[in-house]
Amino acid sequence: MKPQESEVVNTYIIQPPQTNAHGTAFGGQIMAWMDETAAIAALRFCKTLCVTVSVDRVQF
């Protein structure tokens, strides 16, 4: 399998419970969605469960 064959595209609608005090998307929620999407791509590519061990940096 080529890496591009494991591409995942997710679309989310931000609801009020997923927003911060400024009314914008809460960074932790975005990070959770990123992790979920990456896990799906990793599963497709590796054909086995994968976990996120660490994230060095995310800047919003």
C-alpha atoms as a PDB file:
ATOM      1  CA  MET A   1       0.000   0.000   0.000  1.00  0.00           C
ATOM      2  CA  LYS A   2       1.188   3.499  -0.781  1.00  0.00           C
ATOM      3  CA  PRO A   3       0.933   6.069   2.035  1.00  0.00           C
ATOM      4  CA  GLN A   4      -1.498   8.197   0.014  1.00  0.00           C
ATOM      5  CA  GLU A   5      -3.897   5.243  -0.095  1.00  0.00           C
ATOM      6  CA  SER A   6      -4.369   5.562   3.663  1.00  0.00           C
ATOM      7  CA  GLU A   7      -5.524   9.191   3.406  1.00  0.00           C
ATOM      8  CA  VAL A   8      -8.363  10.124   5.761  1.00  0.00           C
ATOM      9  CA  VAL A   9     -10.569  13.193   5.482  1.00  0.00           C
ATOM     10  CA  ASN A  10     -12.867  13.974   8.404  1.00  0.00           C
ATOM     11  CA  THR A  11     -15.275  16.899   8.627  1.00  0.00           C
ATOM     12  CA  TYR A  12     -16.557  18.161  11.950  1.00  0.00           C
ATOM     13  CA  ILE A  13     -19.167  20.771  12.820  1.00  0.00           C
ATOM     14  CA  ILE A  14     -18.067  22.782  15.833  1.00  0.00           C
ATOM     15  CA  GLN A  15     -20.863  22.964  18.395  1.00  0.00           C
ATOM     16  CA  PRO A  16     -21.005  25.305  21.435  1.00  0.00           C
ATOM     17  CA  PRO A  17     -19.714  22.633  23.875  1.00  0.00           C
ATOM     18  CA  GLN A  18     -16.527  22.416  21.767  1.00  0.00           C
ATOM     19  CA  THR A  19     -15.755  26.130  21.960  1.00  0.00           C
ATOM     20  CA  ASN A  20     -13.674  28.135  24.396  1.00  0.00           C
ATOM     21  CA  ALA A  21     -14.429  31.442  26.146  1.00  0.00           C
ATOM     22  CA  HIS A  22     -13.667  33.296  22.894  1.00  0.00           C
ATOM     23  CA  GLY A  23     -16.272  31.297  20.975  1.00  0.00           C
ATOM     24  CA  THR A  24     -13.662  29.545  18.846  1.00  0.00           C
ATOM     25  CA  ALA A  25     -12.840  25.857  18.691  1.00  0.00           C
ATOM     26  CA  PHE A  26     -11.209  24.516  21.859  1.00  0.00           C
ATOM     27  CA  GLY A  27      -7.635  23.448  21.068  1.00  0.00           C
ATOM     28  CA  GLY A  28      -7.949  20.213  23.015  1.00  0.00           C
ATOM     29  CA  GLN A  29     -10.917  19.183  20.884  1.00  0.00           C
ATOM     30  CA  ILE A  30      -9.026  19.921  17.679  1.00  0.00           C
ATOM     31  CA  MET A  31      -6.092  17.885  18.963  1.00  0.00           C
ATOM     32  CA  ALA A  32      -8.394  14.956  19.799  1.00  0.00           C
ATOM     33  CA  TRP A  33      -9.834  15.039  16.278  1.00  0.00           C
ATOM     34  CA  MET A  34      -6.331  15.194  14.802  1.00  0.00           C
ATOM     35  CA  ASP A  35      -5.305  12.171  16.867  1.00  0.00           C
ATOM     36  CA  GLU A  36      -8.404  10.223  15.854  1.00  0.00           C
ATOM     37  CA  THR A  37      -7.838  10.970  12.170  1.00  0.00           C
ATOM     38  CA  ALA A  38      -4.166  10.020  12.405  1.00  0.00           C
ATOM     39  CA  ALA A  39      -5.105   6.755  14.127  1.00  0.00           C
ATOM     40  CA  ILE A  40      -7.461   5.842  11.285  1.00  0.00           C
ATOM     41  CA  ALA A  41      -4.740   6.543   8.702  1.00  0.00           C
ATOM     42  CA  ALA A  42      -2.190   4.539  10.696  1.00  0.00           C
ATOM     43  CA  LEU A  43      -4.585   1.601  11.016  1.00  0.00           C
ATOM     44  CA  ARG A  44      -5.224   1.597   7.275  1.00  0.00           C
ATOM     45  CA  PHE A  45      -1.520   1.773   6.459  1.00  0.00           C
ATOM     46  CA  CYS A  46      -0.112  -0.587   9.119  1.00  0.00           C
ATOM     47  CA  LYS A  47      -3.106  -2.939   9.308  1.00  0.00           C
ATOM     48  CA  THR A  48      -2.714  -3.070  13.091  1.00  0.00           C
ATOM     49  CA  LEU A  49      -3.641  -0.857  16.013  1.00  0.00           C
ATOM     50  CA  CYS A  50      -1.350   2.111  16.592  1.00  0.00           C
ATOM     51  CA  VAL A  51      -1.257   4.574  19.462  1.00  0.00           C
ATOM     52  CA  THR A  52       0.023   8.106  19.829  1.00  0.00           C
ATOM     53  CA  VAL A  53       3.036   8.006  22.114  1.00  0.00           C
ATOM     54  CA  SER A  54       3.771  11.715  22.149  1.00  0.00           C
ATOM     55  CA  VAL A  55       3.261  15.001  20.393  1.00  0.00           C
ATOM     56  CA  ASP A  56       6.196  17.358  20.507  1.00  0.00           C
ATOM     57  CA  ARG A  57       4.365  20.591  19.837  1.00  0.00           C
ATOM     58  CA  VAL A  58       1.082  22.007  18.596  1.00  0.00           C
ATOM     59  CA  GLN A  59       0.608  25.740  18.214  1.00  0.00           C
ATOM     60  CA  PHE A  60      -2.820  27.220  17.587  1.00  0.00           C
END
